[in-house]
Amino acid sequence: MFTIIIRVVIILILVLFVIRMMGKRQIGEMQPIELVITYIIAEVACVPMSDPGIPLFYGIIPILTLFLIHFMISFLSRKSLKFRAIIDGHSMMVINPDGINYNALKQLNMNLNDLVEAARSAGYFDLSEIYYALFETNGKLCVIPKAEFAPLKPSDLKLKPQQQTPPVSLIIDGKAINLKYFKLKKEQLEKIIKQKANKKIKEIAFAYADGNGDTYIQPKKGKYVTAVIKELKTSA
Protein backbone atom coordinates (compact mmCIF):
# COMPACT_ATOMS: atom_id res chain seq x y z
CA MET A 1 0.00 0.00 0.00
CA PHE A 2 2.79 2.42 0.93
CA THR A 3 4.50 1.70 -2.41
CA ILE A 4 1.33 2.63 -4.32
CA ILE A 5 1.05 5.92 -2.40
CA ILE A 6 4.67 6.79 -3.23
CA ARG A 7 4.10 6.00 -6.93
CA VAL A 8 0.99 8.19 -7.02
CA VAL A 9 2.80 11.10 -5.36
CA ILE A 10 5.76 10.86 -7.78
CA ILE A 11 3.53 10.75 -10.85
CA LEU A 12 1.36 13.58 -9.53
CA ILE A 13 4.37 15.84 -8.91
CA LEU A 14 5.79 15.03 -12.33
CA VAL A 15 2.52 15.69 -14.17
CA LEU A 16 1.97 18.93 -12.25
CA PHE A 17 5.49 20.07 -13.16
CA VAL A 18 5.02 19.20 -16.84
CA ILE A 19 1.62 20.91 -17.11
CA ARG A 20 2.97 24.04 -15.40
CA MET A 21 5.93 24.13 -17.79
CA MET A 22 3.56 23.80 -20.74
CA GLY A 23 1.86 27.07 -19.74
CA LYS A 24 -1.22 28.29 -17.92
CA ARG A 25 -3.80 28.14 -20.66
CA GLN A 26 -7.27 26.94 -19.88
CA ILE A 27 -8.57 23.87 -21.70
CA GLY A 28 -10.73 26.04 -23.97
CA GLU A 29 -7.72 28.17 -24.97
CA MET A 30 -5.41 25.29 -25.94
CA GLN A 31 -4.27 24.70 -29.49
CA PRO A 32 -5.15 21.22 -30.86
CA ILE A 33 -1.64 19.82 -30.36
CA GLU A 34 -1.56 21.06 -26.75
CA LEU A 35 -4.92 19.47 -26.03
CA VAL A 36 -3.82 16.15 -27.53
CA ILE A 37 -0.57 16.08 -25.54
CA THR A 38 -2.43 16.96 -22.32
CA TYR A 39 -4.92 14.11 -22.80
CA ILE A 40 -2.16 11.62 -23.60
CA ILE A 41 -0.18 12.68 -20.52
CA ALA A 42 -3.28 12.13 -18.38
CA GLU A 43 -3.80 8.68 -19.87
CA VAL A 44 -0.14 7.65 -19.57
CA ALA A 45 0.02 8.86 -15.96
CA CYS A 46 -2.85 6.55 -14.96
CA VAL A 47 -1.11 3.37 -16.14
CA PRO A 48 1.67 3.04 -13.49
CA MET A 49 -0.64 4.41 -10.79
CA SER A 50 -3.39 1.86 -11.38
CA ASP A 51 -1.14 -1.19 -11.89
CA PRO A 52 1.66 -1.72 -9.33
CA GLY A 53 3.11 -4.41 -11.59
CA ILE A 54 4.09 -1.86 -14.23
CA PRO A 55 7.48 -0.22 -13.60
CA LEU A 56 7.26 3.44 -12.64
CA PHE A 57 9.58 4.43 -15.49
CA TYR A 58 6.95 3.19 -17.97
CA GLY A 59 4.98 6.26 -16.96
CA ILE A 60 7.81 8.72 -16.29
CA ILE A 61 9.63 8.26 -19.62
CA PRO A 62 6.54 8.78 -21.85
CA ILE A 63 5.49 11.86 -19.86
CA LEU A 64 8.93 13.45 -20.17
CA THR A 65 9.04 12.50 -23.87
CA LEU A 66 5.69 14.20 -24.48
CA PHE A 67 6.94 17.27 -22.62
CA LEU A 68 10.04 17.44 -24.85
CA ILE A 69 7.86 17.05 -27.95
CA HIS A 70 5.69 19.93 -26.78
CA PHE A 71 8.78 22.04 -26.08
CA MET A 72 10.18 21.38 -29.57
CA ILE A 73 6.85 22.14 -31.24
CA SER A 74 6.55 25.40 -29.29
CA PHE A 75 10.13 26.35 -30.19
CA LEU A 76 9.63 25.63 -33.90
CA SER A 77 6.29 27.47 -33.88
CA ARG A 78 8.02 30.59 -32.58
CA LYS A 79 10.72 30.33 -35.24
CA SER A 80 8.64 29.39 -38.28
CA LEU A 81 5.31 30.82 -39.39
CA LYS A 82 4.85 27.98 -41.87
CA PHE A 83 5.36 25.35 -39.18
CA ARG A 84 2.97 27.24 -36.89
CA ALA A 85 0.33 27.24 -39.63
CA ILE A 86 0.73 23.47 -40.12
CA ILE A 87 0.39 22.72 -36.41
CA ASP A 88 -2.18 25.33 -35.33
CA GLY A 89 -3.97 26.11 -38.59
CA HIS A 90 -5.34 29.54 -39.52
CA SER A 91 -8.04 31.83 -38.21
CA MET A 92 -11.13 31.57 -40.39
CA MET A 93 -13.58 34.38 -41.23
CA VAL A 94 -17.11 33.03 -40.81
CA ILE A 95 -19.11 36.27 -40.98
CA ASN A 96 -18.33 39.24 -43.21
CA PRO A 97 -20.36 42.27 -44.40
CA ASP A 98 -22.21 39.99 -46.83
CA GLY A 99 -23.31 37.63 -44.06
CA ILE A 100 -22.36 34.08 -43.09
CA ASN A 101 -19.49 32.46 -44.99
CA TYR A 102 -20.97 28.97 -45.35
CA ASN A 103 -17.89 27.57 -47.12
CA ALA A 104 -15.71 28.62 -44.19
CA LEU A 105 -18.02 26.77 -41.81
CA LYS A 106 -17.71 23.62 -43.91
CA GLN A 107 -13.91 23.90 -43.83
CA LEU A 108 -14.09 24.14 -40.03
CA ASN A 109 -16.44 21.12 -39.95
CA MET A 110 -19.01 23.25 -38.12
CA ASN A 111 -22.72 23.80 -38.64
CA LEU A 112 -24.92 26.87 -38.29
CA ASN A 113 -25.99 25.89 -34.79
CA ASP A 114 -22.34 25.90 -33.71
CA LEU A 115 -21.93 29.41 -35.10
CA VAL A 116 -25.10 30.71 -33.45
CA GLU A 117 -24.08 29.24 -30.09
CA ALA A 118 -20.59 30.75 -30.36
CA ALA A 119 -22.10 34.15 -31.24
CA ARG A 120 -24.41 33.98 -28.23
CA SER A 121 -21.44 33.11 -26.01
CA ALA A 122 -19.72 36.22 -27.35
CA GLY A 123 -22.77 38.29 -26.38
CA TYR A 124 -24.48 38.59 -29.77
CA PHE A 125 -27.92 37.03 -30.10
CA ASP A 126 -28.61 38.78 -33.43
CA LEU A 127 -26.18 37.90 -36.23
CA SER A 128 -27.19 41.05 -38.11
CA GLU A 129 -25.32 43.07 -35.45
CA ILE A 130 -22.01 41.44 -36.44
CA TYR A 131 -19.79 43.04 -39.09
CA TYR A 132 -16.93 40.55 -38.98
CA ALA A 133 -16.50 37.35 -36.99
CA LEU A 134 -13.71 34.81 -37.12
CA PHE A 135 -12.87 31.61 -35.36
CA GLU A 136 -9.37 31.64 -33.88
CA THR A 137 -7.19 28.55 -34.01
CA ASN A 138 -8.15 27.69 -30.41
CA GLY A 139 -11.85 27.62 -31.38
CA LYS A 140 -12.80 30.96 -29.83
CA LEU A 141 -15.09 33.30 -31.82
CA CYS A 142 -13.89 36.91 -32.07
CA VAL A 143 -16.41 39.52 -33.15
CA ILE A 144 -16.26 43.03 -34.60
CA PRO A 145 -19.79 44.48 -34.32
CA LYS A 146 -21.33 46.95 -36.71
CA ALA A 147 -20.67 50.55 -35.69
CA GLU A 148 -24.23 51.19 -34.55
CA PHE A 149 -24.12 48.17 -32.24
CA ALA A 150 -20.61 48.65 -30.84
CA PRO A 151 -20.29 49.19 -27.07
CA LEU A 152 -20.11 52.84 -26.07
CA LYS A 153 -16.65 53.99 -24.97
CA PRO A 154 -15.77 57.01 -22.79
CA SER A 155 -13.93 58.55 -25.73
CA ASP A 156 -17.21 58.57 -27.70
CA LEU A 157 -18.57 60.97 -25.06
CA LYS A 158 -15.28 62.88 -24.90
CA LEU A 159 -14.77 61.75 -21.33
CA LYS A 160 -11.40 61.19 -19.70
CA PRO A 161 -11.88 58.49 -17.06
CA GLN A 162 -9.21 57.81 -14.48
CA GLN A 163 -6.84 55.05 -15.56
CA GLN A 164 -7.39 51.89 -13.56
CA THR A 165 -4.57 49.64 -12.38
CA PRO A 166 -4.68 45.93 -11.45
CA PRO A 167 -5.76 45.35 -7.84
CA VAL A 168 -3.19 43.80 -5.53
CA SER A 169 -4.12 41.51 -2.64
CA LEU A 170 -3.53 43.06 0.76
CA ILE A 171 -4.99 40.51 3.18
CA ILE A 172 -5.85 36.85 2.63
CA ASP A 173 -7.34 34.68 5.36
CA GLY A 174 -6.35 37.10 8.10
CA LYS A 175 -2.73 37.44 6.97
CA ALA A 176 -1.21 40.66 5.60
CA ILE A 177 0.69 40.28 2.33
CA ASN A 178 2.42 42.55 -0.20
CA LEU A 179 3.25 45.11 2.47
CA LYS A 180 6.46 46.06 0.64
CA TYR A 181 4.45 46.78 -2.50
CA PHE A 182 2.30 49.28 -0.60
CA LYS A 183 5.33 50.53 1.41
CA LEU A 184 3.50 49.81 4.65
CA LYS A 185 4.31 48.22 7.96
CA LYS A 186 1.91 45.77 9.54
CA GLU A 187 1.16 48.21 12.34
CA GLN A 188 0.12 50.86 9.81
CA LEU A 189 -2.14 48.41 7.99
CA GLU A 190 -3.66 47.31 11.29
CA LYS A 191 -4.55 50.92 12.04
CA ILE A 192 -6.07 51.44 8.58
CA ILE A 193 -8.23 48.31 8.83
CA LYS A 194 -9.37 49.33 12.29
CA GLN A 195 -10.43 52.78 11.02
CA LYS A 196 -12.22 51.60 7.88
CA ALA A 197 -13.73 48.26 8.92
CA ASN A 198 -13.52 48.36 12.71
CA LYS A 199 -11.76 45.00 12.57
CA LYS A 200 -8.33 43.50 13.15
CA ILE A 201 -6.29 42.05 10.30
CA LYS A 202 -6.88 38.52 11.56
CA GLU A 203 -10.64 39.13 11.29
CA ILE A 204 -10.42 39.98 7.56
CA ALA A 205 -11.02 37.22 5.00
CA PHE A 206 -9.86 39.17 1.97
CA ALA A 207 -8.78 42.70 1.08
CA TYR A 208 -7.20 44.31 -1.96
CA ALA A 209 -6.39 47.77 -3.29
CA ASP A 210 -5.51 49.19 -6.70
CA GLY A 211 -3.03 51.90 -7.58
CA ASN A 212 -5.61 54.63 -6.99
CA GLY A 213 -6.21 53.54 -3.41
CA ASP A 214 -9.62 52.02 -4.13
CA THR A 215 -9.87 49.32 -1.49
CA TYR A 216 -12.18 46.36 -0.91
CA ILE A 217 -12.29 44.80 2.56
CA GLN A 218 -14.27 41.63 3.25
CA PRO A 219 -14.42 40.60 6.94
CA LYS A 220 -14.75 36.94 7.83
CA LYS A 221 -18.06 37.91 9.41
CA GLY A 222 -20.17 40.83 8.25
CA LYS A 223 -20.60 42.99 5.19
CA TYR A 224 -17.73 44.09 2.97
CA VAL A 225 -16.38 47.65 3.09
CA THR A 226 -15.09 49.80 0.24
CA ALA A 227 -13.03 52.94 0.68
CA VAL A 228 -10.45 55.15 -1.01
CA ILE A 229 -7.34 54.97 1.18
CA LYS A 230 -4.59 57.41 0.28
CA GLU A 231 -1.96 55.40 2.15
CA LEU A 232 -2.52 52.55 -0.33
CA LYS A 233 -2.22 54.71 -3.42
CA THR A 234 0.72 53.60 -5.56
CA SER A 235 0.05 55.15 -8.98
CA ALA A 236 1.46 58.55 -9.88
C-alpha atoms as a PDB file:
ATOM      1  CA  MET A   1       0.000   0.000   0.000  1.00  0.00           C
ATOM      2  CA  PHE A   2       2.786   2.419   0.932  1.00  0.00           C
ATOM      3  CA  THR A   3       4.500   1.704  -2.412  1.00  0.00           C
ATOM      4  CA  ILE A   4       1.330   2.631  -4.320  1.00  0.00           C
ATOM      5  CA  ILE A   5       1.049   5.915  -2.404  1.00  0.00           C
ATOM      6  CA  ILE A   6       4.668   6.787  -3.230  1.00  0.00           C
ATOM      7  CA  ARG A   7       4.097   5.995  -6.929  1.00  0.00           C
ATOM      8  CA  VAL A   8       0.992   8.187  -7.024  1.00  0.00           C
ATOM      9  CA  VAL A   9       2.802  11.096  -5.356  1.00  0.00           C
ATOM     10  CA  ILE A  10       5.763  10.857  -7.775  1.00  0.00           C
ATOM     11  CA  ILE A  11       3.532  10.753 -10.855  1.00  0.00           C
ATOM     12  CA  LEU A  12       1.356  13.575  -9.526  1.00  0.00           C
ATOM     13  CA  ILE A  13       4.366  15.840  -8.905  1.00  0.00           C
ATOM     14  CA  LEU A  14       5.794  15.031 -12.330  1.00  0.00           C
ATOM     15  CA  VAL A  15       2.516  15.690 -14.169  1.00  0.00           C
ATOM     16  CA  LEU A  16       1.968  18.930 -12.247  1.00  0.00           C
ATOM     17  CA  PHE A  17       5.490  20.072 -13.162  1.00  0.00           C
ATOM     18  CA  VAL A  18       5.022  19.203 -16.836  1.00  0.00           C
ATOM     19  CA  ILE A  19       1.620  20.907 -17.109  1.00  0.00           C
ATOM     20  CA  ARG A  20       2.973  24.041 -15.397  1.00  0.00           C
ATOM     21  CA  MET A  21       5.927  24.131 -17.786  1.00  0.00           C
ATOM     22  CA  MET A  22       3.559  23.799 -20.740  1.00  0.00           C
ATOM     23  CA  GLY A  23       1.862  27.066 -19.745  1.00  0.00           C
ATOM     24  CA  LYS A  24      -1.219  28.295 -17.918  1.00  0.00           C
ATOM     25  CA  ARG A  25      -3.801  28.144 -20.663  1.00  0.00           C
ATOM     26  CA  GLN A  26      -7.269  26.935 -19.878  1.00  0.00           C
ATOM     27  CA  ILE A  27      -8.575  23.865 -21.698  1.00  0.00           C
ATOM     28  CA  GLY A  28     -10.731  26.040 -23.975  1.00  0.00           C
ATOM     29  CA  GLU A  29      -7.721  28.167 -24.966  1.00  0.00           C
ATOM     30  CA  MET A  30      -5.415  25.295 -25.941  1.00  0.00           C
ATOM     31  CA  GLN A  31      -4.274  24.701 -29.487  1.00  0.00           C
ATOM     32  CA  PRO A  32      -5.152  21.221 -30.861  1.00  0.00           C
ATOM     33  CA  ILE A  33      -1.636  19.822 -30.358  1.00  0.00           C
ATOM     34  CA  GLU A  34      -1.559  21.064 -26.755  1.00  0.00           C
ATOM     35  CA  LEU A  35      -4.923  19.472 -26.028  1.00  0.00           C
ATOM     36  CA  VAL A  36      -3.821  16.149 -27.533  1.00  0.00           C
ATOM     37  CA  ILE A  37      -0.571  16.080 -25.540  1.00  0.00           C
ATOM     38  CA  THR A  38      -2.431  16.956 -22.323  1.00  0.00           C
ATOM     39  CA  TYR A  39      -4.920  14.114 -22.803  1.00  0.00           C
ATOM     40  CA  ILE A  40      -2.164  11.625 -23.598  1.00  0.00           C
ATOM     41  CA  ILE A  41      -0.180  12.681 -20.520  1.00  0.00           C
ATOM     42  CA  ALA A  42      -3.284  12.134 -18.375  1.00  0.00           C
ATOM     43  CA  GLU A  43      -3.805   8.679 -19.874  1.00  0.00           C
ATOM     44  CA  VAL A  44      -0.142   7.652 -19.568  1.00  0.00           C
ATOM     45  CA  ALA A  45       0.018   8.857 -15.955  1.00  0.00           C
ATOM     46  CA  CYS A  46      -2.849   6.551 -14.963  1.00  0.00           C
ATOM     47  CA  VAL A  47      -1.111   3.374 -16.139  1.00  0.00           C
ATOM     48  CA  PRO A  48       1.671   3.042 -13.495  1.00  0.00           C
ATOM     49  CA  MET A  49      -0.641   4.407 -10.789  1.00  0.00           C
ATOM     50  CA  SER A  50      -3.391   1.860 -11.384  1.00  0.00           C
ATOM     51  CA  ASP A  51      -1.144  -1.188 -11.889  1.00  0.00           C
ATOM     52  CA  PRO A  52       1.660  -1.719  -9.333  1.00  0.00           C
ATOM     53  CA  GLY A  53       3.105  -4.411 -11.591  1.00  0.00           C
ATOM     54  CA  ILE A  54       4.088  -1.856 -14.230  1.00  0.00           C
ATOM     55  CA  PRO A  55       7.482  -0.221 -13.601  1.00  0.00           C
ATOM     56  CA  LEU A  56       7.259   3.440 -12.645  1.00  0.00           C
ATOM     57  CA  PHE A  57       9.575   4.429 -15.488  1.00  0.00           C
ATOM     58  CA  TYR A  58       6.955   3.186 -17.967  1.00  0.00           C
ATOM     59  CA  GLY A  59       4.983   6.265 -16.965  1.00  0.00           C
ATOM     60  CA  ILE A  60       7.811   8.725 -16.294  1.00  0.00           C
ATOM     61  CA  ILE A  61       9.628   8.261 -19.617  1.00  0.00           C
ATOM     62  CA  PRO A  62       6.543   8.778 -21.853  1.00  0.00           C
ATOM     63  CA  ILE A  63       5.487  11.857 -19.864  1.00  0.00           C
ATOM     64  CA  LEU A  64       8.933  13.451 -20.173  1.00  0.00           C
ATOM     65  CA  THR A  65       9.037  12.496 -23.874  1.00  0.00           C
ATOM     66  CA  LEU A  66       5.691  14.205 -24.478  1.00  0.00           C
ATOM     67  CA  PHE A  67       6.942  17.273 -22.621  1.00  0.00           C
ATOM     68  CA  LEU A  68      10.044  17.437 -24.848  1.00  0.00           C
ATOM     69  CA  ILE A  69       7.856  17.046 -27.949  1.00  0.00           C
ATOM     70  CA  HIS A  70       5.689  19.934 -26.775  1.00  0.00           C
ATOM     71  CA  PHE A  71       8.785  22.038 -26.078  1.00  0.00           C
ATOM     72  CA  MET A  72      10.183  21.376 -29.573  1.00  0.00           C
ATOM     73  CA  ILE A  73       6.846  22.135 -31.236  1.00  0.00           C
ATOM     74  CA  SER A  74       6.551  25.398 -29.288  1.00  0.00           C
ATOM     75  CA  PHE A  75      10.125  26.350 -30.195  1.00  0.00           C
ATOM     76  CA  LEU A  76       9.629  25.633 -33.902  1.00  0.00           C
ATOM     77  CA  SER A  77       6.287  27.470 -33.876  1.00  0.00           C
ATOM     78  CA  ARG A  78       8.020  30.593 -32.584  1.00  0.00           C
ATOM     79  CA  LYS A  79      10.720  30.335 -35.236  1.00  0.00           C
ATOM     80  CA  SER A  80       8.644  29.388 -38.281  1.00  0.00           C
ATOM     81  CA  LEU A  81       5.313  30.824 -39.388  1.00  0.00           C
ATOM     82  CA  LYS A  82       4.849  27.975 -41.870  1.00  0.00           C
ATOM     83  CA  PHE A  83       5.359  25.350 -39.177  1.00  0.00           C
ATOM     84  CA  ARG A  84       2.967  27.243 -36.891  1.00  0.00           C
ATOM     85  CA  ALA A  85       0.333  27.241 -39.628  1.00  0.00           C
ATOM     86  CA  ILE A  86       0.730  23.471 -40.115  1.00  0.00           C
ATOM     87  CA  ILE A  87       0.391  22.716 -36.408  1.00  0.00           C
ATOM     88  CA  ASP A  88      -2.176  25.330 -35.328  1.00  0.00           C
ATOM     89  CA  GLY A  89      -3.973  26.106 -38.585  1.00  0.00           C
ATOM     90  CA  HIS A  90      -5.345  29.538 -39.520  1.00  0.00           C
ATOM     91  CA  SER A  91      -8.039  31.832 -38.209  1.00  0.00           C
ATOM     92  CA  MET A  92     -11.132  31.569 -40.386  1.00  0.00           C
ATOM     93  CA  MET A  93     -13.584  34.378 -41.225  1.00  0.00           C
ATOM     94  CA  VAL A  94     -17.106  33.028 -40.813  1.00  0.00           C
ATOM     95  CA  ILE A  95     -19.107  36.269 -40.980  1.00  0.00           C
ATOM     96  CA  ASN A  96     -18.335  39.238 -43.211  1.00  0.00           C
ATOM     97  CA  PRO A  97     -20.358  42.266 -44.401  1.00  0.00           C
ATOM     98  CA  ASP A  98     -22.208  39.986 -46.830  1.00  0.00           C
ATOM     99  CA  GLY A  99     -23.309  37.631 -44.061  1.00  0.00           C
ATOM    100  CA  ILE A 100     -22.361  34.076 -43.093  1.00  0.00           C
ATOM    101  CA  ASN A 101     -19.489  32.459 -44.985  1.00  0.00           C
ATOM    102  CA  TYR A 102     -20.966  28.973 -45.347  1.00  0.00           C
ATOM    103  CA  ASN A 103     -17.889  27.573 -47.115  1.00  0.00           C
ATOM    104  CA  ALA A 104     -15.705  28.622 -44.190  1.00  0.00           C
ATOM    105  CA  LEU A 105     -18.025  26.774 -41.813  1.00  0.00           C
ATOM    106  CA  LYS A 106     -17.709  23.622 -43.912  1.00  0.00           C
ATOM    107  CA  GLN A 107     -13.914  23.897 -43.827  1.00  0.00           C
ATOM    108  CA  LEU A 108     -14.094  24.141 -40.034  1.00  0.00           C
ATOM    109  CA  ASN A 109     -16.444  21.121 -39.950  1.00  0.00           C
ATOM    110  CA  MET A 110     -19.011  23.251 -38.117  1.00  0.00           C
ATOM    111  CA  ASN A 111     -22.719  23.802 -38.642  1.00  0.00           C
ATOM    112  CA  LEU A 112     -24.916  26.874 -38.289  1.00  0.00           C
ATOM    113  CA  ASN A 113     -25.991  25.889 -34.788  1.00  0.00           C
ATOM    114  CA  ASP A 114     -22.339  25.900 -33.706  1.00  0.00           C
ATOM    115  CA  LEU A 115     -21.935  29.413 -35.104  1.00  0.00           C
ATOM    116  CA  VAL A 116     -25.103  30.708 -33.445  1.00  0.00           C
ATOM    117  CA  GLU A 117     -24.080  29.238 -30.087  1.00  0.00           C
ATOM    118  CA  ALA A 118     -20.589  30.755 -30.363  1.00  0.00           C
ATOM    119  CA  ALA A 119     -22.096  34.145 -31.241  1.00  0.00           C
ATOM    120  CA  ARG A 120     -24.411  33.977 -28.225  1.00  0.00           C
ATOM    121  CA  SER A 121     -21.439  33.106 -26.010  1.00  0.00           C
ATOM    122  CA  ALA A 122     -19.718  36.221 -27.353  1.00  0.00           C
ATOM    123  CA  GLY A 123     -22.766  38.295 -26.382  1.00  0.00           C
ATOM    124  CA  TYR A 124     -24.481  38.589 -29.770  1.00  0.00           C
ATOM    125  CA  PHE A 125     -27.923  37.029 -30.100  1.00  0.00           C
ATOM    126  CA  ASP A 126     -28.614  38.782 -33.433  1.00  0.00           C
ATOM    127  CA  LEU A 127     -26.183  37.898 -36.230  1.00  0.00           C
ATOM    128  CA  SER A 128     -27.192  41.055 -38.114  1.00  0.00           C
ATOM    129  CA  GLU A 129     -25.318  43.072 -35.450  1.00  0.00           C
ATOM    130  CA  ILE A 130     -22.014  41.437 -36.442  1.00  0.00           C
ATOM    131  CA  TYR A 131     -19.791  43.037 -39.094  1.00  0.00           C
ATOM    132  CA  TYR A 132     -16.931  40.553 -38.980  1.00  0.00           C
ATOM    133  CA  ALA A 133     -16.502  37.346 -36.987  1.00  0.00           C
ATOM    134  CA  LEU A 134     -13.713  34.811 -37.124  1.00  0.00           C
ATOM    135  CA  PHE A 135     -12.868  31.607 -35.360  1.00  0.00           C
ATOM    136  CA  GLU A 136      -9.375  31.635 -33.880  1.00  0.00           C
ATOM    137  CA  THR A 137      -7.189  28.547 -34.006  1.00  0.00           C
ATOM    138  CA  ASN A 138      -8.155  27.694 -30.413  1.00  0.00           C
ATOM    139  CA  GLY A 139     -11.848  27.624 -31.375  1.00  0.00           C
ATOM    140  CA  LYS A 140     -12.805  30.964 -29.835  1.00  0.00           C
ATOM    141  CA  LEU A 141     -15.094  33.300 -31.818  1.00  0.00           C
ATOM    142  CA  CYS A 142     -13.888  36.906 -32.065  1.00  0.00           C
ATOM    143  CA  VAL A 143     -16.415  39.521 -33.151  1.00  0.00           C
ATOM    144  CA  ILE A 144     -16.260  43.032 -34.601  1.00  0.00           C
ATOM    145  CA  PRO A 145     -19.787  44.484 -34.318  1.00  0.00           C
ATOM    146  CA  LYS A 146     -21.325  46.950 -36.707  1.00  0.00           C
ATOM    147  CA  ALA A 147     -20.666  50.551 -35.687  1.00  0.00           C
ATOM    148  CA  GLU A 148     -24.229  51.194 -34.549  1.00  0.00           C
ATOM    149  CA  PHE A 149     -24.119  48.168 -32.241  1.00  0.00           C
ATOM    150  CA  ALA A 150     -20.612  48.651 -30.843  1.00  0.00           C
ATOM    151  CA  PRO A 151     -20.292  49.191 -27.069  1.00  0.00           C
ATOM    152  CA  LEU A 152     -20.114  52.840 -26.074  1.00  0.00           C
ATOM    153  CA  LYS A 153     -16.652  53.994 -24.974  1.00  0.00           C
ATOM    154  CA  PRO A 154     -15.771  57.006 -22.786  1.00  0.00           C
ATOM    155  CA  SER A 155     -13.935  58.553 -25.732  1.00  0.00           C
ATOM    156  CA  ASP A 156     -17.208  58.568 -27.701  1.00  0.00           C
ATOM    157  CA  LEU A 157     -18.573  60.968 -25.065  1.00  0.00           C
ATOM    158  CA  LYS A 158     -15.279  62.881 -24.900  1.00  0.00           C
ATOM    159  CA  LEU A 159     -14.775  61.749 -21.328  1.00  0.00           C
ATOM    160  CA  LYS A 160     -11.395  61.189 -19.698  1.00  0.00           C
ATOM    161  CA  PRO A 161     -11.879  58.489 -17.062  1.00  0.00           C
ATOM    162  CA  GLN A 162      -9.213  57.808 -14.480  1.00  0.00           C
ATOM    163  CA  GLN A 163      -6.845  55.052 -15.559  1.00  0.00           C
ATOM    164  CA  GLN A 164      -7.395  51.888 -13.563  1.00  0.00           C
ATOM    165  CA  THR A 165      -4.570  49.638 -12.382  1.00  0.00           C
ATOM    166  CA  PRO A 166      -4.677  45.932 -11.446  1.00  0.00           C
ATOM    167  CA  PRO A 167      -5.764  45.349  -7.841  1.00  0.00           C
ATOM    168  CA  VAL A 168      -3.188  43.798  -5.525  1.00  0.00           C
ATOM    169  CA  SER A 169      -4.119  41.508  -2.639  1.00  0.00           C
ATOM    170  CA  LEU A 170      -3.529  43.055   0.756  1.00  0.00           C
ATOM    171  CA  ILE A 171      -4.995  40.507   3.184  1.00  0.00           C
ATOM    172  CA  ILE A 172      -5.848  36.850   2.628  1.00  0.00           C
ATOM    173  CA  ASP A 173      -7.344  34.683   5.362  1.00  0.00           C
ATOM    174  CA  GLY A 174      -6.347  37.105   8.096  1.00  0.00           C
ATOM    175  CA  LYS A 175      -2.725  37.437   6.969  1.00  0.00           C
ATOM    176  CA  ALA A 176      -1.209  40.656   5.600  1.00  0.00           C
ATOM    177  CA  ILE A 177       0.689  40.281   2.326  1.00  0.00           C
ATOM    178  CA  ASN A 178       2.417  42.554  -0.197  1.00  0.00           C
ATOM    179  CA  LEU A 179       3.249  45.106   2.473  1.00  0.00           C
ATOM    180  CA  LYS A 180       6.456  46.058   0.643  1.00  0.00           C
ATOM    181  CA  TYR A 181       4.446  46.779  -2.495  1.00  0.00           C
ATOM    182  CA  PHE A 182       2.299  49.281  -0.597  1.00  0.00           C
ATOM    183  CA  LYS A 183       5.333  50.529   1.410  1.00  0.00           C
ATOM    184  CA  LEU A 184       3.504  49.809   4.653  1.00  0.00           C
ATOM    185  CA  LYS A 185       4.313  48.220   7.964  1.00  0.00           C
ATOM    186  CA  LYS A 186       1.906  45.770   9.538  1.00  0.00           C
ATOM    187  CA  GLU A 187       1.162  48.212  12.344  1.00  0.00           C
ATOM    188  CA  GLN A 188       0.121  50.860   9.806  1.00  0.00           C
ATOM    189  CA  LEU A 189      -2.141  48.410   7.990  1.00  0.00           C
ATOM    190  CA  GLU A 190      -3.656  47.305  11.294  1.00  0.00           C
ATOM    191  CA  LYS A 191      -4.547  50.919  12.042  1.00  0.00           C
ATOM    192  CA  ILE A 192      -6.074  51.444   8.583  1.00  0.00           C
ATOM    193  CA  ILE A 193      -8.234  48.312   8.834  1.00  0.00           C
ATOM    194  CA  LYS A 194      -9.371  49.326  12.289  1.00  0.00           C
ATOM    195  CA  GLN A 195     -10.427  52.777  11.024  1.00  0.00           C
ATOM    196  CA  LYS A 196     -12.218  51.597   7.884  1.00  0.00           C
ATOM    197  CA  ALA A 197     -13.726  48.264   8.917  1.00  0.00           C
ATOM    198  CA  ASN A 198     -13.517  48.363  12.705  1.00  0.00           C
ATOM    199  CA  LYS A 199     -11.761  44.997  12.571  1.00  0.00           C
ATOM    200  CA  LYS A 200      -8.333  43.504  13.147  1.00  0.00           C
ATOM    201  CA  ILE A 201      -6.291  42.052  10.301  1.00  0.00           C
ATOM    202  CA  LYS A 202      -6.882  38.515  11.565  1.00  0.00           C
ATOM    203  CA  GLU A 203     -10.644  39.133  11.287  1.00  0.00           C
ATOM    204  CA  ILE A 204     -10.419  39.981   7.560  1.00  0.00           C
ATOM    205  CA  ALA A 205     -11.020  37.219   5.005  1.00  0.00           C
ATOM    206  CA  PHE A 206      -9.861  39.173   1.969  1.00  0.00           C
ATOM    207  CA  ALA A 207      -8.782  42.695   1.081  1.00  0.00           C
ATOM    208  CA  TYR A 208      -7.199  44.309  -1.959  1.00  0.00           C
ATOM    209  CA  ALA A 209      -6.388  47.767  -3.292  1.00  0.00           C
ATOM    210  CA  ASP A 210      -5.512  49.191  -6.699  1.00  0.00           C
ATOM    211  CA  GLY A 211      -3.028  51.903  -7.582  1.00  0.00           C
ATOM    212  CA  ASN A 212      -5.614  54.630  -6.991  1.00  0.00           C
ATOM    213  CA  GLY A 213      -6.206  53.542  -3.412  1.00  0.00           C
ATOM    214  CA  ASP A 214      -9.623  52.024  -4.130  1.00  0.00           C
ATOM    215  CA  THR A 215      -9.869  49.324  -1.491  1.00  0.00           C
ATOM    216  CA  TYR A 216     -12.181  46.363  -0.913  1.00  0.00           C
ATOM    217  CA  ILE A 217     -12.286  44.804   2.559  1.00  0.00           C
ATOM    218  CA  GLN A 218     -14.274  41.632   3.248  1.00  0.00           C
ATOM    219  CA  PRO A 219     -14.416  40.600   6.943  1.00  0.00           C
ATOM    220  CA  LYS A 220     -14.750  36.936   7.830  1.00  0.00           C
ATOM    221  CA  LYS A 221     -18.058  37.912   9.408  1.00  0.00           C
ATOM    222  CA  GLY A 222     -20.169  40.829   8.255  1.00  0.00           C
ATOM    223  CA  LYS A 223     -20.597  42.992   5.186  1.00  0.00           C
ATOM    224  CA  TYR A 224     -17.734  44.094   2.965  1.00  0.00           C
ATOM    225  CA  VAL A 225     -16.377  47.652   3.088  1.00  0.00           C
ATOM    226  CA  THR A 226     -15.085  49.802   0.239  1.00  0.00           C
ATOM    227  CA  ALA A 227     -13.026  52.939   0.676  1.00  0.00           C
ATOM    228  CA  VAL A 228     -10.445  55.150  -1.007  1.00  0.00           C
ATOM    229  CA  ILE A 229      -7.341  54.973   1.183  1.00  0.00           C
ATOM    230  CA  LYS A 230      -4.589  57.414   0.277  1.00  0.00           C
ATOM    231  CA  GLU A 231      -1.955  55.398   2.153  1.00  0.00           C
ATOM    232  CA  LEU A 232      -2.517  52.546  -0.327  1.00  0.00           C
ATOM    233  CA  LYS A 233      -2.220  54.712  -3.424  1.00  0.00           C
ATOM    234  CA  THR A 234       0.721  53.597  -5.555  1.00  0.00           C
ATOM    235  CA  SER A 235       0.054  55.146  -8.981  1.00  0.00           C
ATOM    236  CA  ALA A 236       1.461  58.554  -9.881  1.00  0.00           C
END
